[in-house]
Amino acid sequence: MAFPKLNLHFGKKKDVTDYEKGLPPLPPLDRNLPSMEPLPAFTRREVTMESANADNVKSKIDLMTTQLDNLNIKYETLNQKIEQIQKMITEIYRMAKS
């Protein structure tokens, strides 16, 4: 025995039931569970060339609009950088004059 003093201090474990702990007893299991309603039949939507083409066109338009938005953002940042460069050039020109 590794720790005899601890064993004497704590003693043996007691088997305590839930009733002795003061907990209410568990209710009995109800074996008569209500039957679940069956799921509705799955209706498969047939894919036609028209619907596939419409979906393709929509996705292509969406892709093109996102690409245009990206280009607009890139051009805005380039314009801001060009303005900053112009300001720096005018400052350098003023410093060179004086």
C-alpha atoms as a PDB file:
ATOM      1  CA  MET A   1       0.000   0.000   0.000  1.00  0.00           C
ATOM      2  CA  ALA A   2       1.504   3.304  -1.133  1.00  0.00           C
ATOM      3  CA  PHE A   3      -0.334   5.696   1.204  1.00  0.00           C
ATOM      4  CA  PRO A   4      -1.604   3.852   4.285  1.00  0.00           C
ATOM      5  CA  LYS A   5      -2.374   7.031   6.249  1.00  0.00           C
ATOM      6  CA  LEU A   6      -4.633   8.351   3.501  1.00  0.00           C
ATOM      7  CA  ASN A   7      -6.489   5.043   3.367  1.00  0.00           C
ATOM      8  CA  LEU A   8      -7.162   5.231   7.113  1.00  0.00           C
ATOM      9  CA  HIS A   9      -8.261   8.840   6.850  1.00  0.00           C
ATOM     10  CA  PHE A  10     -10.759   8.393   4.039  1.00  0.00           C
ATOM     11  CA  GLY A  11     -11.871   4.827   4.732  1.00  0.00           C
ATOM     12  CA  LYS A  12     -13.798   2.637   2.334  1.00  0.00           C
ATOM     13  CA  LYS A  13     -16.126   3.940  -0.338  1.00  0.00           C
ATOM     14  CA  LYS A  14     -19.796   3.522   0.379  1.00  0.00           C
ATOM     15  CA  ASP A  15     -22.288   2.580  -2.283  1.00  0.00           C
ATOM     16  CA  VAL A  16     -24.809   5.378  -2.022  1.00  0.00           C
ATOM     17  CA  THR A  17     -27.985   5.176  -4.054  1.00  0.00           C
ATOM     18  CA  ASP A  18     -29.720   8.177  -5.594  1.00  0.00           C
ATOM     19  CA  TYR A  19     -32.523   7.782  -3.072  1.00  0.00           C
ATOM     20  CA  GLU A  20     -30.086   8.146  -0.177  1.00  0.00           C
ATOM     21  CA  LYS A  21     -28.580  11.233  -1.801  1.00  0.00           C
ATOM     22  CA  GLY A  22     -31.984  12.881  -1.830  1.00  0.00           C
ATOM     23  CA  LEU A  23     -32.442  12.832  -5.586  1.00  0.00           C
ATOM     24  CA  PRO A  24     -35.865  11.960  -6.962  1.00  0.00           C
ATOM     25  CA  PRO A  25     -36.129   8.550  -8.613  1.00  0.00           C
ATOM     26  CA  LEU A  26     -36.031   8.381 -12.377  1.00  0.00           C
ATOM     27  CA  PRO A  27     -39.393   7.995 -14.096  1.00  0.00           C
ATOM     28  CA  PRO A  28     -39.999   4.651 -15.809  1.00  0.00           C
ATOM     29  CA  LEU A  29     -39.265   4.496 -19.514  1.00  0.00           C
ATOM     30  CA  ASP A  30     -42.295   4.909 -21.728  1.00  0.00           C
ATOM     31  CA  ARG A  31     -42.139   2.145 -24.287  1.00  0.00           C
ATOM     32  CA  ASN A  32     -45.198   3.488 -26.112  1.00  0.00           C
ATOM     33  CA  LEU A  33     -43.466   6.334 -27.910  1.00  0.00           C
ATOM     34  CA  PRO A  34     -45.588   8.254 -30.396  1.00  0.00           C
ATOM     35  CA  SER A  35     -45.037   7.139 -33.944  1.00  0.00           C
ATOM     36  CA  MET A  36     -43.226   9.611 -36.108  1.00  0.00           C
ATOM     37  CA  GLU A  37     -44.908  10.876 -39.236  1.00  0.00           C
ATOM     38  CA  PRO A  38     -43.228   9.702 -42.408  1.00  0.00           C
ATOM     39  CA  LEU A  39     -41.295  12.276 -44.356  1.00  0.00           C
ATOM     40  CA  PRO A  40     -42.935  13.593 -47.506  1.00  0.00           C
ATOM     41  CA  ALA A  41     -41.786  12.032 -50.719  1.00  0.00           C
ATOM     42  CA  PHE A  42     -38.787  13.744 -52.230  1.00  0.00           C
ATOM     43  CA  THR A  43     -39.631  15.331 -55.525  1.00  0.00           C
ATOM     44  CA  ARG A  44     -36.707  15.528 -57.825  1.00  0.00           C
ATOM     45  CA  ARG A  45     -36.529  18.628 -59.985  1.00  0.00           C
ATOM     46  CA  GLU A  46     -35.573  17.715 -63.469  1.00  0.00           C
ATOM     47  CA  VAL A  47     -32.693  19.722 -64.818  1.00  0.00           C
ATOM     48  CA  THR A  48     -33.417  21.021 -68.241  1.00  0.00           C
ATOM     49  CA  MET A  49     -31.115  22.825 -70.573  1.00  0.00           C
ATOM     50  CA  GLU A  50     -33.054  26.047 -70.009  1.00  0.00           C
ATOM     51  CA  SER A  51     -32.652  25.964 -66.240  1.00  0.00           C
ATOM     52  CA  ALA A  52     -29.000  24.920 -66.528  1.00  0.00           C
ATOM     53  CA  ASN A  53     -28.297  27.712 -68.984  1.00  0.00           C
ATOM     54  CA  ALA A  54     -30.111  30.243 -66.810  1.00  0.00           C
ATOM     55  CA  ASP A  55     -28.088  29.148 -63.777  1.00  0.00           C
ATOM     56  CA  ASN A  56     -24.869  29.338 -65.798  1.00  0.00           C
ATOM     57  CA  VAL A  57     -25.706  32.811 -67.067  1.00  0.00           C
ATOM     58  CA  LYS A  58     -26.536  34.008 -63.553  1.00  0.00           C
ATOM     59  CA  SER A  59     -23.289  32.652 -62.168  1.00  0.00           C
ATOM     60  CA  LYS A  60     -21.266  34.169 -65.011  1.00  0.00           C
ATOM     61  CA  ILE A  61     -22.909  37.563 -64.501  1.00  0.00           C
ATOM     62  CA  ASP A  62     -22.192  37.349 -60.782  1.00  0.00           C
ATOM     63  CA  LEU A  63     -18.563  36.472 -61.493  1.00  0.00           C
ATOM     64  CA  MET A  64     -18.212  39.374 -63.923  1.00  0.00           C
ATOM     65  CA  THR A  65     -19.687  41.870 -61.445  1.00  0.00           C
ATOM     66  CA  THR A  66     -17.265  40.766 -58.745  1.00  0.00           C
ATOM     67  CA  GLN A  67     -14.371  41.102 -61.194  1.00  0.00           C
ATOM     68  CA  LEU A  68     -15.537  44.617 -62.092  1.00  0.00           C
ATOM     69  CA  ASP A  69     -15.737  45.532 -58.418  1.00  0.00           C
ATOM     70  CA  ASN A  70     -12.183  44.280 -57.937  1.00  0.00           C
ATOM     71  CA  LEU A  71     -10.983  46.329 -60.899  1.00  0.00           C
ATOM     72  CA  ASN A  72     -12.693  49.449 -59.558  1.00  0.00           C
ATOM     73  CA  ILE A  73     -10.975  49.005 -56.214  1.00  0.00           C
ATOM     74  CA  LYS A  74      -7.608  48.497 -57.912  1.00  0.00           C
ATOM     75  CA  TYR A  75      -8.051  51.629 -60.025  1.00  0.00           C
ATOM     76  CA  GLU A  76      -9.045  53.648 -56.971  1.00  0.00           C
ATOM     77  CA  THR A  77      -5.896  52.608 -55.135  1.00  0.00           C
ATOM     78  CA  LEU A  78      -3.765  53.353 -58.195  1.00  0.00           C
ATOM     79  CA  ASN A  79      -5.330  56.809 -58.510  1.00  0.00           C
ATOM     80  CA  GLN A  80      -4.612  57.502 -54.849  1.00  0.00           C
ATOM     81  CA  LYS A  81      -0.991  56.454 -55.293  1.00  0.00           C
ATOM     82  CA  ILE A  82      -0.659  58.663 -58.377  1.00  0.00           C
ATOM     83  CA  GLU A  83      -2.053  61.631 -56.427  1.00  0.00           C
ATOM     84  CA  GLN A  84       0.461  61.003 -53.642  1.00  0.00           C
ATOM     85  CA  ILE A  85       3.301  60.854 -56.165  1.00  0.00           C
ATOM     86  CA  GLN A  86       2.134  64.126 -57.741  1.00  0.00           C
ATOM     87  CA  LYS A  87       2.099  65.801 -54.326  1.00  0.00           C
ATOM     88  CA  MET A  88       5.604  64.526 -53.616  1.00  0.00           C
ATOM     89  CA  ILE A  89       6.853  65.818 -56.980  1.00  0.00           C
ATOM     90  CA  THR A  90       5.383  69.281 -56.383  1.00  0.00           C
ATOM     91  CA  GLU A  91       7.005  69.390 -52.926  1.00  0.00           C
ATOM     92  CA  ILE A  92      10.360  68.342 -54.379  1.00  0.00           C
ATOM     93  CA  TYR A  93       9.990  71.002 -57.108  1.00  0.00           C
ATOM     94  CA  ARG A  94       9.255  73.698 -54.490  1.00  0.00           C
ATOM     95  CA  MET A  95      12.239  72.597 -52.426  1.00  0.00           C
ATOM     96  CA  ALA A  96      14.483  72.720 -55.499  1.00  0.00           C
ATOM     97  CA  LYS A  97      13.316  76.254 -56.340  1.00  0.00           C
ATOM     98  CA  SER A  98      14.120  77.647 -52.948  1.00  0.00           C
END
